[in-house]
């Protein structure tokens, strides 16, 4: 299991557990709503952090793939230039 999947699973488990715990707690409706609001805000903050981490990982992977592709294209361009220079030299040698 990947780290991100585990983080998301833990976050969802905490959220479900918190909601169930509050719903079945013997408190007034106002207190329960306050606790739900607080837990919701906490869950939102944690989710935002997890999503920011995913975004950072995606950006990093994107940069890696971009760099690899750029390097490959540069290598192909260099090889093409070399082959064109060889053909040009061959053509000059044949004319002489």
N, C-alpha and C. Protein backbone atom coordinates (compact mmCIF):
# COMPACT_ATOMS: atom_id res chain seq x y z
N UNK A 1 0.86 -1.17 0.00
CA UNK A 1 0.00 0.00 0.00
C UNK A 1 0.91 1.24 0.00
N UNK A 2 0.58 2.20 -0.80
CA UNK A 2 1.39 3.40 -0.89
C UNK A 2 1.12 4.33 0.28
N UNK A 3 2.08 5.19 0.55
CA UNK A 3 1.98 6.09 1.69
C UNK A 3 0.76 6.99 1.61
N UNK A 4 0.44 7.51 0.44
CA UNK A 4 -0.71 8.38 0.28
C UNK A 4 -2.02 7.68 0.54
N UNK A 5 -2.13 6.43 0.07
CA UNK A 5 -3.35 5.66 0.31
C UNK A 5 -3.53 5.40 1.79
N UNK A 6 -2.44 5.10 2.46
CA UNK A 6 -2.49 4.85 3.90
C UNK A 6 -2.92 6.11 4.64
N UNK A 7 -2.36 7.25 4.28
CA UNK A 7 -2.72 8.52 4.92
C UNK A 7 -4.19 8.82 4.72
N UNK A 8 -4.68 8.63 3.52
CA UNK A 8 -6.08 8.90 3.23
C UNK A 8 -6.98 7.94 4.00
N UNK A 9 -6.62 6.69 4.09
CA UNK A 9 -7.40 5.71 4.84
C UNK A 9 -7.46 6.05 6.33
N UNK A 10 -6.33 6.44 6.87
CA UNK A 10 -6.29 6.83 8.29
C UNK A 10 -7.15 8.06 8.51
N UNK A 11 -7.04 9.03 7.62
CA UNK A 11 -7.83 10.26 7.75
C UNK A 11 -9.33 9.96 7.71
N UNK A 12 -9.75 9.15 6.76
CA UNK A 12 -11.17 8.81 6.66
C UNK A 12 -11.63 8.01 7.88
N UNK A 13 -10.81 7.12 8.37
CA UNK A 13 -11.15 6.35 9.56
C UNK A 13 -11.31 7.25 10.78
N UNK A 14 -10.41 8.21 10.93
CA UNK A 14 -10.52 9.16 12.03
C UNK A 14 -11.79 9.98 11.93
N UNK A 15 -12.10 10.41 10.73
CA UNK A 15 -13.29 11.23 10.52
C UNK A 15 -14.56 10.45 10.87
N UNK A 16 -14.67 9.24 10.36
CA UNK A 16 -15.85 8.41 10.64
C UNK A 16 -15.95 8.11 12.13
N UNK A 17 -14.85 7.76 12.76
CA UNK A 17 -14.84 7.48 14.19
C UNK A 17 -15.24 8.69 15.02
N UNK A 18 -14.74 9.85 14.63
CA UNK A 18 -15.08 11.07 15.36
C UNK A 18 -16.57 11.39 15.24
N UNK A 19 -17.10 11.30 14.04
CA UNK A 19 -18.53 11.59 13.85
C UNK A 19 -19.38 10.61 14.64
N UNK A 20 -19.08 9.34 14.57
CA UNK A 20 -19.86 8.35 15.32
C UNK A 20 -19.75 8.57 16.83
N UNK A 21 -18.57 8.90 17.31
CA UNK A 21 -18.37 9.16 18.73
C UNK A 21 -19.18 10.35 19.20
N UNK A 22 -19.22 11.37 18.40
CA UNK A 22 -19.97 12.57 18.78
C UNK A 22 -21.47 12.33 18.72
N UNK A 23 -21.91 11.64 17.71
CA UNK A 23 -23.35 11.38 17.56
C UNK A 23 -23.89 10.60 18.75
N UNK A 24 -23.12 9.63 19.22
CA UNK A 24 -23.59 8.78 20.31
C UNK A 24 -23.18 9.29 21.70
N UNK A 25 -22.56 10.47 21.77
CA UNK A 25 -22.15 11.02 23.07
C UNK A 25 -23.37 11.63 23.78
N UNK A 26 -23.44 11.47 25.08
CA UNK A 26 -24.59 12.00 25.84
C UNK A 26 -24.39 13.48 26.20
N UNK A 27 -24.47 14.36 25.19
CA UNK A 27 -24.32 15.80 25.41
C UNK A 27 -25.49 16.54 24.78
N UNK A 28 -25.59 17.83 25.08
CA UNK A 28 -26.65 18.64 24.50
C UNK A 28 -26.42 18.82 23.01
N UNK A 29 -27.47 19.17 22.31
CA UNK A 29 -27.36 19.39 20.86
C UNK A 29 -26.39 20.48 20.52
N UNK A 30 -26.37 21.56 21.30
CA UNK A 30 -25.45 22.67 21.04
C UNK A 30 -24.00 22.23 21.20
N UNK A 31 -23.73 21.50 22.27
CA UNK A 31 -22.36 20.99 22.49
C UNK A 31 -21.96 20.03 21.38
N UNK A 32 -22.88 19.18 20.99
CA UNK A 32 -22.60 18.23 19.92
C UNK A 32 -22.30 18.96 18.62
N UNK A 33 -23.07 19.99 18.31
CA UNK A 33 -22.83 20.76 17.08
C UNK A 33 -21.47 21.46 17.12
N UNK A 34 -21.12 22.00 18.29
CA UNK A 34 -19.81 22.65 18.43
C UNK A 34 -18.69 21.65 18.18
N UNK A 35 -18.84 20.47 18.79
CA UNK A 35 -17.81 19.44 18.61
C UNK A 35 -17.75 18.99 17.15
N UNK A 36 -18.91 18.81 16.53
CA UNK A 36 -18.92 18.40 15.11
C UNK A 36 -18.24 19.46 14.25
N UNK A 37 -18.54 20.73 14.52
CA UNK A 37 -17.94 21.82 13.76
C UNK A 37 -16.42 21.79 13.92
N UNK A 38 -15.97 21.64 15.17
CA UNK A 38 -14.53 21.62 15.45
C UNK A 38 -13.86 20.43 14.77
N UNK A 39 -14.48 19.27 14.90
CA UNK A 39 -13.91 18.08 14.25
C UNK A 39 -13.91 18.22 12.74
N UNK A 40 -14.97 18.82 12.21
CA UNK A 40 -15.04 19.05 10.76
C UNK A 40 -13.93 19.98 10.30
N UNK A 41 -13.67 21.03 11.07
CA UNK A 41 -12.59 21.95 10.73
C UNK A 41 -11.24 21.25 10.81
N UNK A 42 -11.06 20.43 11.85
CA UNK A 42 -9.81 19.67 11.97
C UNK A 42 -9.62 18.70 10.81
N UNK A 43 -10.70 18.00 10.45
CA UNK A 43 -10.63 17.05 9.34
C UNK A 43 -10.33 17.80 8.04
N UNK A 44 -10.94 18.97 7.87
CA UNK A 44 -10.69 19.78 6.67
C UNK A 44 -9.21 20.16 6.60
N UNK A 45 -8.65 20.60 7.73
CA UNK A 45 -7.24 20.97 7.76
C UNK A 45 -6.34 19.79 7.42
N UNK A 46 -6.66 18.62 7.99
CA UNK A 46 -5.86 17.43 7.70
C UNK A 46 -5.98 17.03 6.23
N UNK A 47 -7.19 17.10 5.70
CA UNK A 47 -7.41 16.76 4.30
C UNK A 47 -6.65 17.73 3.39
N UNK A 48 -6.69 19.00 3.73
CA UNK A 48 -5.96 20.01 2.96
C UNK A 48 -4.46 19.69 2.96
N UNK A 49 -3.94 19.29 4.12
CA UNK A 49 -2.52 18.94 4.21
C UNK A 49 -2.19 17.71 3.36
N UNK A 50 -3.06 16.71 3.41
CA UNK A 50 -2.84 15.49 2.61
C UNK A 50 -2.88 15.83 1.11
N UNK A 51 -3.86 16.64 0.72
CA UNK A 51 -3.95 17.02 -0.69
C UNK A 51 -2.75 17.85 -1.12
N UNK A 52 -2.26 18.72 -0.25
CA UNK A 52 -1.07 19.50 -0.57
C UNK A 52 0.13 18.58 -0.77
N UNK A 53 0.21 17.53 0.05
CA UNK A 53 1.29 16.56 -0.09
C UNK A 53 1.19 15.82 -1.43
N UNK A 54 -0.04 15.41 -1.79
CA UNK A 54 -0.25 14.76 -3.10
C UNK A 54 0.14 15.69 -4.24
N UNK A 55 -0.23 16.95 -4.14
CA UNK A 55 0.09 17.91 -5.18
C UNK A 55 1.60 18.07 -5.31
N UNK A 56 2.27 18.14 -4.18
CA UNK A 56 3.72 18.27 -4.19
C UNK A 56 4.37 17.05 -4.85
N UNK A 57 3.87 15.86 -4.49
CA UNK A 57 4.42 14.64 -5.09
C UNK A 57 4.15 14.61 -6.60
N UNK A 58 2.96 15.04 -7.01
CA UNK A 58 2.61 15.06 -8.43
C UNK A 58 3.50 16.05 -9.19
N UNK A 59 3.74 17.21 -8.59
CA UNK A 59 4.62 18.19 -9.24
C UNK A 59 6.04 17.64 -9.38
N UNK A 60 6.51 16.97 -8.35
CA UNK A 60 7.85 16.40 -8.38
C UNK A 60 7.96 15.34 -9.48
N UNK A 61 6.96 14.45 -9.55
CA UNK A 61 6.97 13.42 -10.59
C UNK A 61 6.88 14.06 -11.97
N UNK A 62 6.04 15.09 -12.09
CA UNK A 62 5.92 15.78 -13.37
C UNK A 62 7.24 16.37 -13.81
N UNK A 63 7.96 16.99 -12.87
CA UNK A 63 9.28 17.54 -13.20
C UNK A 63 10.25 16.44 -13.62
N UNK A 64 10.21 15.30 -12.91
CA UNK A 64 11.09 14.19 -13.26
C UNK A 64 10.82 13.71 -14.69
N UNK A 65 9.54 13.51 -15.02
CA UNK A 65 9.18 13.03 -16.35
C UNK A 65 9.55 14.07 -17.42
N UNK A 66 9.33 15.35 -17.11
CA UNK A 66 9.68 16.41 -18.05
C UNK A 66 11.18 16.41 -18.30
N UNK A 67 11.98 16.32 -17.23
CA UNK A 67 13.44 16.33 -17.38
C UNK A 67 13.92 15.13 -18.19
N UNK A 68 13.34 13.95 -17.92
CA UNK A 68 13.73 12.76 -18.68
C UNK A 68 13.38 12.90 -20.15
N UNK A 69 12.19 13.42 -20.43
CA UNK A 69 11.76 13.59 -21.82
C UNK A 69 12.63 14.63 -22.52
N UNK A 70 12.92 15.74 -21.83
CA UNK A 70 13.78 16.78 -22.42
C UNK A 70 15.16 16.21 -22.74
N UNK A 71 15.73 15.45 -21.81
CA UNK A 71 17.05 14.86 -22.04
C UNK A 71 17.03 13.92 -23.24
N UNK A 72 15.97 13.12 -23.34
CA UNK A 72 15.86 12.18 -24.46
C UNK A 72 15.75 12.93 -25.80
N UNK A 73 14.95 13.98 -25.82
CA UNK A 73 14.80 14.77 -27.05
C UNK A 73 16.13 15.42 -27.41
N UNK A 74 16.83 15.96 -26.41
CA UNK A 74 18.14 16.57 -26.69
C UNK A 74 19.12 15.54 -27.26
N UNK A 75 19.10 14.33 -26.70
CA UNK A 75 19.97 13.27 -27.22
C UNK A 75 19.61 12.93 -28.67
N UNK A 76 18.31 12.85 -28.96
CA UNK A 76 17.88 12.54 -30.33
C UNK A 76 18.27 13.65 -31.30
N UNK A 77 18.13 14.89 -30.86
CA UNK A 77 18.51 16.03 -31.71
C UNK A 77 20.01 16.00 -31.98
N UNK A 78 20.80 15.73 -30.94
CA UNK A 78 22.26 15.64 -31.12
C UNK A 78 22.62 14.53 -32.09
N UNK A 79 21.97 13.38 -31.94
CA UNK A 79 22.24 12.26 -32.83
C UNK A 79 21.85 12.59 -34.27
N UNK A 80 20.72 13.26 -34.44
CA UNK A 80 20.27 13.65 -35.78
C UNK A 80 21.26 14.64 -36.40
N UNK A 81 21.73 15.60 -35.63
CA UNK A 81 22.72 16.56 -36.13
C UNK A 81 23.99 15.85 -36.57
N UNK A 82 24.44 14.90 -35.74
CA UNK A 82 25.65 14.15 -36.06
C UNK A 82 25.48 13.37 -37.37
N UNK A 83 24.33 12.73 -37.52
CA UNK A 83 24.09 11.96 -38.74
C UNK A 83 23.99 12.87 -39.96
N UNK A 84 23.36 14.03 -39.80
CA UNK A 84 23.27 14.97 -40.92
C UNK A 84 24.64 15.48 -41.31
N UNK A 85 25.49 15.75 -40.32
CA UNK A 85 26.85 16.20 -40.62
C UNK A 85 27.64 15.11 -41.35
N UNK A 86 27.45 13.85 -40.91
CA UNK A 86 28.12 12.74 -41.59
C UNK A 86 27.67 12.63 -43.04
N UNK A 87 26.35 12.74 -43.27
CA UNK A 87 25.84 12.66 -44.64
C UNK A 87 26.35 13.82 -45.48
N UNK A 88 26.41 15.01 -44.87
CA UNK A 88 26.92 16.16 -45.61
C UNK A 88 28.39 15.95 -45.98
N UNK A 89 29.19 15.41 -45.08
CA UNK A 89 30.58 15.13 -45.37
C UNK A 89 30.72 14.07 -46.45
N UNK A 90 29.86 13.04 -46.40
CA UNK A 90 29.87 11.99 -47.42
C UNK A 90 29.54 12.59 -48.79
N UNK A 91 28.58 13.49 -48.83
CA UNK A 91 28.19 14.12 -50.10
C UNK A 91 29.33 14.96 -50.65
N UNK A 92 30.03 15.66 -49.77
CA UNK A 92 31.17 16.48 -50.21
C UNK A 92 32.29 15.59 -50.73
N UNK A 93 32.53 14.48 -50.02
CA UNK A 93 33.59 13.55 -50.44
C UNK A 93 33.24 12.92 -51.79
N UNK A 94 31.97 12.62 -52.05
CA UNK A 94 31.55 12.02 -53.31
C UNK A 94 31.68 13.00 -54.46
N UNK A 95 31.50 14.28 -54.23
CA UNK A 95 31.61 15.30 -55.27
C UNK A 95 33.05 15.52 -55.68
N UNK A 96 33.97 15.27 -54.79
CA UNK A 96 35.38 15.51 -55.10
C UNK A 96 35.94 14.41 -55.89
